[in-house]
């Protein structure tokens, strides 16, 4: 019965294919039917027939169309185009009808066959499938081709894409990371992981970026080394923010009052400023000056930086200017990538400012980050403020993102902030308070300390 079904299916193929390969295909089918007896081999033979039909039939008609295109305008011996009329290769109505009936019959009985196959032990079914390789050239060839492409694709990802990303990461570490020795050790660790095949544990680019991030952090003990995968291609763009981004930033700062959450005069004529970031002074400089001017007649001032996530060093210098009576060297920024150092000083004294000799208290916590840590640390080292609360986060190196290709970005801490007095910074250790209390109690404690100092004074 199966042989007759296969013979009917062959009628769906173009005539030139049937004339050339029909008998050979039937003989191949007879060989398989003779050797592959039993339920599972018979099932596999049926599935191979359906797969062979689905794959090879459209391919043969594509070949016919290509032949029509190639033969429609051949050049004669004299160079003048000639035209030929080729026999139509569309299957007959009878062939289409019989093929449709066979397909419907097969699809209708397939669920029943599969349910019966489920009665066999899984190990037996697997053994049967492995024991009898497919002898159908079209189906087997295509499956082999697909498997080959999958294998080649995985190998290509490992050998080219992953190696390229790792090599670029090592290059950027050695070029930009603030500590050359740590950069070398981290790069060697990445290469060792790659050599051992550890990167194969990442099934996709995003997981690969997370895996490399963990490897870098484990080797460097730097929690701010990071690799990120962006699914969407990142466009080439000039450095710095666009006009649209600047406009959006201005709008956001206006909405948030330039992150000045509270500006108050508390008991004992103590000024209180809760600042949650150090915004760009080109956008918020006027606001910062107005806030400091409003504090000009207080007897002491408290800066609440417990929720401050950092920001611009220029804003640090602007606010610190009101606390000194002369230009003061706050810190140095060393950029490993450019091998250059930039000094940060307070601005010239503000005319009429009366805060330069007033007591200053800074509230800090573990969520005090980056530029806020710099403000706290510099005032502490310069003995210009009393720090109250808990130790800060410990971000003394500034990270810069570097694009490695259209999708992978690596963030490398490549800028070190150094105080000119201490010769060091707070990287890894955080800024320790002068008066250690729970961050939630820092304001109450600072008020009590300030009131006591003012009474003594």
Foldseek 3Di string as FASTA:
>chain_A
DVLVLLLLLLLQAFPVCCVVCVVVVSVLLVVQPVPQDDLLSVVVSVVLSVLLSVQVRVVRVVVVVVVCVVQQWDADPVRHTDGDDDDDRGRDPVSVVSVVVVVVVCVVCVVVSVVVVVVDDPVVSVCVPVVDDDPDCRNNVVVVVVVVVVVVVVVCCLPPVLVLVLVLQLVCLCQFFADNVLSNQLSVQSVVCSVVVVLVVQPDDQSSQVVSLVSSCVSNVDNPWGKGFAPFFDDDDDPDDDPVVVVVVLVVCVVCVVQFNDWDQDPQQETETEGQEQEDCVRCVVSLVVSQVVSQPGQEYEYEHANHAYYDLLSLLANCLLQAQAKDWQKWKATSNVRDIDTRIHDHHDPPGRNNPHAYEYQYDQNRHDNSLSSVVSCVLVVRYFYEEAFYNAPQFDWDWDDSGRTMIIIHRRMGIAGPRVRHGRHPPGDGGPHYDHSVCRVVVVVVVSVVVVVVD
